[in-house]
Amino acid sequence: MDDLRRPIGYLFALLGLILLLYGLISPDVRAPLDPGTNVNLWCGLTLFIFGGCLLWLSFRTKKS
């Protein structure tokens, strides 16, 4: 396995999906530092997008 972007992309996407679903299912759980923002939702979305970018970079064809 030469490219580390694929397993790291899977890890970030899975972690982001878990946090995103948790933020959608239980929106009342909030961090005490910022009561107006659903941190699980935004962090999950960010991690999911970052994991998707890593997976896209690992699966695209190499043009040499």
PDB file of N, CA and C in Angstrom:
ATOM      1  N   MET A   1       0.850  -1.173   0.000  1.00  0.00           N
ATOM      2  CA  MET A   1       0.000   0.000   0.000  1.00  0.00           C
ATOM      3  C   MET A   1       0.897   1.238   0.000  1.00  0.00           C
ATOM      4  N   ASP A   2       0.960   1.892  -1.121  1.00  0.00           N
ATOM      5  CA  ASP A   2       1.833   3.048  -1.264  1.00  0.00           C
ATOM      6  C   ASP A   2       1.173   4.348  -0.823  1.00  0.00           C
ATOM      7  N   ASP A   3      -0.115   4.434  -1.012  1.00  0.00           N
ATOM      8  CA  ASP A   3      -0.809   5.695  -0.794  1.00  0.00           C
ATOM      9  C   ASP A   3      -1.538   5.674   0.548  1.00  0.00           C
ATOM     10  N   LEU A   4      -1.141   6.538   1.457  1.00  0.00           N
ATOM     11  CA  LEU A   4      -1.780   6.589   2.772  1.00  0.00           C
ATOM     12  C   LEU A   4      -3.058   7.414   2.779  1.00  0.00           C
ATOM     13  N   ARG A   5      -3.341   8.076   1.673  1.00  0.00           N
ATOM     14  CA  ARG A   5      -4.550   8.900   1.635  1.00  0.00           C
ATOM     15  C   ARG A   5      -5.815   8.057   1.693  1.00  0.00           C
ATOM     16  N   ARG A   6      -5.766   6.839   1.159  1.00  0.00           N
ATOM     17  CA  ARG A   6      -6.967   6.006   1.135  1.00  0.00           C
ATOM     18  C   ARG A   6      -7.393   5.546   2.529  1.00  0.00           C
ATOM     19  N   PRO A   7      -6.533   4.896   3.329  1.00  0.00           N
ATOM     20  CA  PRO A   7      -7.005   4.493   4.667  1.00  0.00           C
ATOM     21  C   PRO A   7      -7.286   5.679   5.588  1.00  0.00           C
ATOM     22  N   ILE A   8      -6.505   6.747   5.464  1.00  0.00           N
ATOM     23  CA  ILE A   8      -6.757   7.926   6.290  1.00  0.00           C
ATOM     24  C   ILE A   8      -8.058   8.599   5.854  1.00  0.00           C
ATOM     25  N   GLY A   9      -8.329   8.604   4.553  1.00  0.00           N
ATOM     26  CA  GLY A   9      -9.592   9.145   4.055  1.00  0.00           C
ATOM     27  C   GLY A   9     -10.786   8.354   4.552  1.00  0.00           C
ATOM     28  N   TYR A  10     -10.662   7.013   4.552  1.00  0.00           N
ATOM     29  CA  TYR A  10     -11.735   6.181   5.102  1.00  0.00           C
ATOM     30  C   TYR A  10     -11.944   6.473   6.580  1.00  0.00           C
ATOM     31  N   LEU A  11     -10.857   6.625   7.321  1.00  0.00           N
ATOM     32  CA  LEU A  11     -10.949   6.883   8.756  1.00  0.00           C
ATOM     33  C   LEU A  11     -11.646   8.217   9.029  1.00  0.00           C
ATOM     34  N   PHE A  12     -11.217   9.269   8.351  1.00  0.00           N
ATOM     35  CA  PHE A  12     -11.831  10.583   8.557  1.00  0.00           C
ATOM     36  C   PHE A  12     -13.291  10.598   8.101  1.00  0.00           C
ATOM     37  N   ALA A  13     -13.581   9.947   6.974  1.00  0.00           N
ATOM     38  CA  ALA A  13     -14.959   9.924   6.484  1.00  0.00           C
ATOM     39  C   ALA A  13     -15.868   9.158   7.440  1.00  0.00           C
ATOM     40  N   LEU A  14     -15.393   8.039   7.974  1.00  0.00           N
ATOM     41  CA  LEU A  14     -16.198   7.264   8.914  1.00  0.00           C
ATOM     42  C   LEU A  14     -16.415   8.030  10.213  1.00  0.00           C
ATOM     43  N   LEU A  15     -15.359   8.631  10.729  1.00  0.00           N
ATOM     44  CA  LEU A  15     -15.479   9.417  11.955  1.00  0.00           C
ATOM     45  C   LEU A  15     -16.399  10.622  11.747  1.00  0.00           C
ATOM     46  N   GLY A  16     -16.271  11.276  10.601  1.00  0.00           N
ATOM     47  CA  GLY A  16     -17.137  12.404  10.290  1.00  0.00           C
ATOM     48  C   GLY A  16     -18.589  11.993  10.139  1.00  0.00           C
ATOM     49  N   LEU A  17     -18.817  10.825   9.533  1.00  0.00           N
ATOM     50  CA  LEU A  17     -20.182  10.340   9.375  1.00  0.00           C
ATOM     51  C   LEU A  17     -20.812  10.015  10.726  1.00  0.00           C
ATOM     52  N   ILE A  18     -20.032   9.414  11.626  1.00  0.00           N
ATOM     53  CA  ILE A  18     -20.538   9.111  12.968  1.00  0.00           C
ATOM     54  C   ILE A  18     -20.900  10.396  13.704  1.00  0.00           C
ATOM     55  N   LEU A  19     -20.009  11.383  13.678  1.00  0.00           N
ATOM     56  CA  LEU A  19     -20.299  12.651  14.352  1.00  0.00           C
ATOM     57  C   LEU A  19     -21.456  13.397  13.702  1.00  0.00           C
ATOM     58  N   LEU A  20     -21.519  13.347  12.388  1.00  0.00           N
ATOM     59  CA  LEU A  20     -22.603  14.016  11.670  1.00  0.00           C
ATOM     60  C   LEU A  20     -23.953  13.402  12.033  1.00  0.00           C
ATOM     61  N   LEU A  21     -24.028  12.085  12.047  1.00  0.00           N
ATOM     62  CA  LEU A  21     -25.275  11.422  12.426  1.00  0.00           C
ATOM     63  C   LEU A  21     -25.628  11.688  13.881  1.00  0.00           C
ATOM     64  N   TYR A  22     -24.623  11.683  14.748  1.00  0.00           N
ATOM     65  CA  TYR A  22     -24.876  11.970  16.160  1.00  0.00           C
ATOM     66  C   TYR A  22     -25.382  13.398  16.345  1.00  0.00           C
ATOM     67  N   GLY A  23     -24.827  14.323  15.589  1.00  0.00           N
ATOM     68  CA  GLY A  23     -25.282  15.709  15.662  1.00  0.00           C
ATOM     69  C   GLY A  23     -26.689  15.894  15.123  1.00  0.00           C
ATOM     70  N   LEU A  24     -27.072  15.083  14.123  1.00  0.00           N
ATOM     71  CA  LEU A  24     -28.428  15.174  13.575  1.00  0.00           C
ATOM     72  C   LEU A  24     -29.453  14.472  14.461  1.00  0.00           C
ATOM     73  N   ILE A  25     -29.058  13.340  15.055  1.00  0.00           N
ATOM     74  CA  ILE A  25     -29.996  12.559  15.870  1.00  0.00           C
ATOM     75  C   ILE A  25     -30.252  13.225  17.214  1.00  0.00           C
ATOM     76  N   SER A  26     -29.209  13.735  17.830  1.00  0.00           N
ATOM     77  CA  SER A  26     -29.377  14.361  19.152  1.00  0.00           C
ATOM     78  C   SER A  26     -28.889  15.808  19.114  1.00  0.00           C
ATOM     79  N   PRO A  27     -29.696  16.708  18.576  1.00  0.00           N
ATOM     80  CA  PRO A  27     -29.258  18.105  18.466  1.00  0.00           C
ATOM     81  C   PRO A  27     -29.239  18.854  19.794  1.00  0.00           C
ATOM     82  N   ASP A  28     -29.831  18.275  20.842  1.00  0.00           N
ATOM     83  CA  ASP A  28     -29.859  18.961  22.138  1.00  0.00           C
ATOM     84  C   ASP A  28     -28.542  18.852  22.893  1.00  0.00           C
ATOM     85  N   VAL A  29     -27.682  17.902  22.502  1.00  0.00           N
ATOM     86  CA  VAL A  29     -26.387  17.749  23.167  1.00  0.00           C
ATOM     87  C   VAL A  29     -25.447  18.809  22.600  1.00  0.00           C
ATOM     88  N   ARG A  30     -25.027  19.718  23.443  1.00  0.00           N
ATOM     89  CA  ARG A  30     -24.169  20.822  22.999  1.00  0.00           C
ATOM     90  C   ARG A  30     -22.984  20.956  23.936  1.00  0.00           C
ATOM     91  N   ALA A  31     -21.917  21.524  23.425  1.00  0.00           N
ATOM     92  CA  ALA A  31     -20.738  21.781  24.246  1.00  0.00           C
ATOM     93  C   ALA A  31     -21.036  22.937  25.194  1.00  0.00           C
ATOM     94  N   PRO A  32     -20.539  22.866  26.433  1.00  0.00           N
ATOM     95  CA  PRO A  32     -20.847  23.938  27.392  1.00  0.00           C
ATOM     96  C   PRO A  32     -20.177  25.270  27.050  1.00  0.00           C
ATOM     97  N   LEU A  33     -19.130  25.252  26.244  1.00  0.00           N
ATOM     98  CA  LEU A  33     -18.440  26.497  25.910  1.00  0.00           C
ATOM     99  C   LEU A  33     -19.213  27.332  24.896  1.00  0.00           C
ATOM    100  N   ASP A  34     -19.930  26.674  24.001  1.00  0.00           N
ATOM    101  CA  ASP A  34     -20.679  27.385  22.972  1.00  0.00           C
ATOM    102  C   ASP A  34     -22.085  26.799  22.887  1.00  0.00           C
ATOM    103  N   PRO A  35     -23.026  27.316  23.681  1.00  0.00           N
ATOM    104  CA  PRO A  35     -24.353  26.700  23.740  1.00  0.00           C
ATOM    105  C   PRO A  35     -25.207  26.899  22.489  1.00  0.00           C
ATOM    106  N   GLY A  36     -24.825  27.780  21.591  1.00  0.00           N
ATOM    107  CA  GLY A  36     -25.652  28.039  20.419  1.00  0.00           C
ATOM    108  C   GLY A  36     -25.277  27.234  19.192  1.00  0.00           C
ATOM    109  N   THR A  37     -24.182  26.485  19.243  1.00  0.00           N
ATOM    110  CA  THR A  37     -23.685  25.778  18.074  1.00  0.00           C
ATOM    111  C   THR A  37     -23.651  24.281  18.337  1.00  0.00           C
ATOM    112  N   ASN A  38     -24.105  23.506  17.374  1.00  0.00           N
ATOM    113  CA  ASN A  38     -24.010  22.055  17.473  1.00  0.00           C
ATOM    114  C   ASN A  38     -22.631  21.640  16.952  1.00  0.00           C
ATOM    115  N   VAL A  39     -21.688  21.485  17.861  1.00  0.00           N
ATOM    116  CA  VAL A  39     -20.297  21.222  17.493  1.00  0.00           C
ATOM    117  C   VAL A  39     -20.154  19.867  16.813  1.00  0.00           C
ATOM    118  N   ASN A  40     -20.915  18.872  17.266  1.00  0.00           N
ATOM    119  CA  ASN A  40     -20.837  17.545  16.653  1.00  0.00           C
ATOM    120  C   ASN A  40     -21.241  17.594  15.186  1.00  0.00           C
ATOM    121  N   LEU A  41     -22.247  18.371  14.881  1.00  0.00           N
ATOM    122  CA  LEU A  41     -22.720  18.483  13.504  1.00  0.00           C
ATOM    123  C   LEU A  41     -21.671  19.135  12.608  1.00  0.00           C
ATOM    124  N   TRP A  42     -21.108  20.253  13.049  1.00  0.00           N
ATOM    125  CA  TRP A  42     -20.146  20.977  12.215  1.00  0.00           C
ATOM    126  C   TRP A  42     -18.807  20.262  12.112  1.00  0.00           C
ATOM    127  N   CYS A  43     -18.338  19.683  13.208  1.00  0.00           N
ATOM    128  CA  CYS A  43     -17.081  18.920  13.146  1.00  0.00           C
ATOM    129  C   CYS A  43     -17.258  17.663  12.305  1.00  0.00           C
ATOM    130  N   GLY A  44     -18.413  17.014  12.428  1.00  0.00           N
ATOM    131  CA  GLY A  44     -18.682  15.833  11.614  1.00  0.00           C
ATOM    132  C   GLY A  44     -18.732  16.158  10.139  1.00  0.00           C
ATOM    133  N   LEU A  45     -19.363  17.268   9.801  1.00  0.00           N
ATOM    134  CA  LEU A  45     -19.427  17.683   8.402  1.00  0.00           C
ATOM    135  C   LEU A  45     -18.037  18.007   7.861  1.00  0.00           C
ATOM    136  N   THR A  46     -17.239  18.696   8.663  1.00  0.00           N
ATOM    137  CA  THR A  46     -15.881  19.049   8.241  1.00  0.00           C
ATOM    138  C   THR A  46     -15.015  17.807   8.057  1.00  0.00           C
ATOM    139  N   LEU A  47     -15.079  16.880   9.000  1.00  0.00           N
ATOM    140  CA  LEU A  47     -14.294  15.649   8.889  1.00  0.00           C
ATOM    141  C   LEU A  47     -14.751  14.806   7.704  1.00  0.00           C
ATOM    142  N   PHE A  48     -16.057  14.760   7.456  1.00  0.00           N
ATOM    143  CA  PHE A  48     -16.575  13.984   6.334  1.00  0.00           C
ATOM    144  C   PHE A  48     -16.115  14.574   5.000  1.00  0.00           C
ATOM    145  N   ILE A  49     -16.143  15.883   4.880  1.00  0.00           N
ATOM    146  CA  ILE A  49     -15.682  16.535   3.643  1.00  0.00           C
ATOM    147  C   ILE A  49     -14.183  16.331   3.456  1.00  0.00           C
ATOM    148  N   PHE A  50     -13.410  16.454   4.543  1.00  0.00           N
ATOM    149  CA  PHE A  50     -11.964  16.243   4.456  1.00  0.00           C
ATOM    150  C   PHE A  50     -11.650  14.801   4.058  1.00  0.00           C
ATOM    151  N   GLY A  51     -12.348  13.841   4.648  1.00  0.00           N
ATOM    152  CA  GLY A  51     -12.155  12.440   4.275  1.00  0.00           C
ATOM    153  C   GLY A  51     -12.534  12.183   2.831  1.00  0.00           C
ATOM    154  N   GLY A  52     -13.614  12.817   2.377  1.00  0.00           N
ATOM    155  CA  GLY A  52     -14.007  12.682   0.977  1.00  0.00           C
ATOM    156  C   GLY A  52     -12.975  13.257   0.022  1.00  0.00           C
ATOM    157  N   CYS A  53     -12.360  14.367   0.403  1.00  0.00           N
ATOM    158  CA  CYS A  53     -11.295  14.950  -0.432  1.00  0.00           C
ATOM    159  C   CYS A  53     -10.088  14.025  -0.503  1.00  0.00           C
ATOM    160  N   LEU A  54      -9.719  13.434   0.625  1.00  0.00           N
ATOM    161  CA  LEU A  54      -8.596  12.495   0.619  1.00  0.00           C
ATOM    162  C   LEU A  54      -8.909  11.265  -0.230  1.00  0.00           C
ATOM    163  N   LEU A  55     -10.130  10.762  -0.125  1.00  0.00           N
ATOM    164  CA  LEU A  55     -10.508   9.610  -0.942  1.00  0.00           C
ATOM    165  C   LEU A  55     -10.546   9.969  -2.419  1.00  0.00           C
ATOM    166  N   TRP A  56     -11.024  11.158  -2.739  1.00  0.00           N
ATOM    167  CA  TRP A  56     -11.035  11.588  -4.133  1.00  0.00           C
ATOM    168  C   TRP A  56      -9.610  11.677  -4.681  1.00  0.00           C
ATOM    169  N   LEU A  57      -8.701  12.212  -3.872  1.00  0.00           N
ATOM    170  CA  LEU A  57      -7.312  12.308  -4.313  1.00  0.00           C
ATOM    171  C   LEU A  57      -6.673  10.936  -4.483  1.00  0.00           C
ATOM    172  N   SER A  58      -7.060   9.975  -3.657  1.00  0.00           N
ATOM    173  CA  SER A  58      -6.438   8.656  -3.755  1.00  0.00           C
ATOM    174  C   SER A  58      -7.005   7.834  -4.906  1.00  0.00           C
ATOM    175  N   PHE A  59      -8.255   8.088  -5.301  1.00  0.00           N
ATOM    176  CA  PHE A  59      -8.874   7.292  -6.356  1.00  0.00           C
ATOM    177  C   PHE A  59      -8.746   7.896  -7.751  1.00  0.00           C
ATOM    178  N   ARG A  60      -8.364   9.143  -7.838  1.00  0.00           N
ATOM    179  CA  ARG A  60      -8.277   9.733  -9.176  1.00  0.00           C
ATOM    180  C   ARG A  60      -7.096   9.124  -9.929  1.00  0.00           C
ATOM    181  N   THR A  61      -7.201   9.101 -11.208  1.00  0.00           N
ATOM    182  CA  THR A  61      -6.176   8.462 -12.025  1.00  0.00           C
ATOM    183  C   THR A  61      -4.956   9.363 -12.129  1.00  0.00           C
ATOM    184  N   LYS A  62      -3.829   8.722 -12.187  1.00  0.00           N
ATOM    185  CA  LYS A  62      -2.580   9.479 -12.316  1.00  0.00           C
ATOM    186  C   LYS A  62      -2.348   9.797 -13.785  1.00  0.00           C
ATOM    187  N   LYS A  63      -2.150  11.074 -14.061  1.00  0.00           N
ATOM    188  CA  LYS A  63      -1.890  11.515 -15.428  1.00  0.00           C
ATOM    189  C   LYS A  63      -0.424  11.915 -15.526  1.00  0.00           C
ATOM    190  N   SER A  64       0.342  11.090 -16.200  1.00  0.00           N
ATOM    191  CA  SER A  64       1.783  11.375 -16.327  1.00  0.00           C
ATOM    192  C   SER A  64       2.152  11.675 -17.752  1.00  0.00           C
TER     193      SER A  64
END
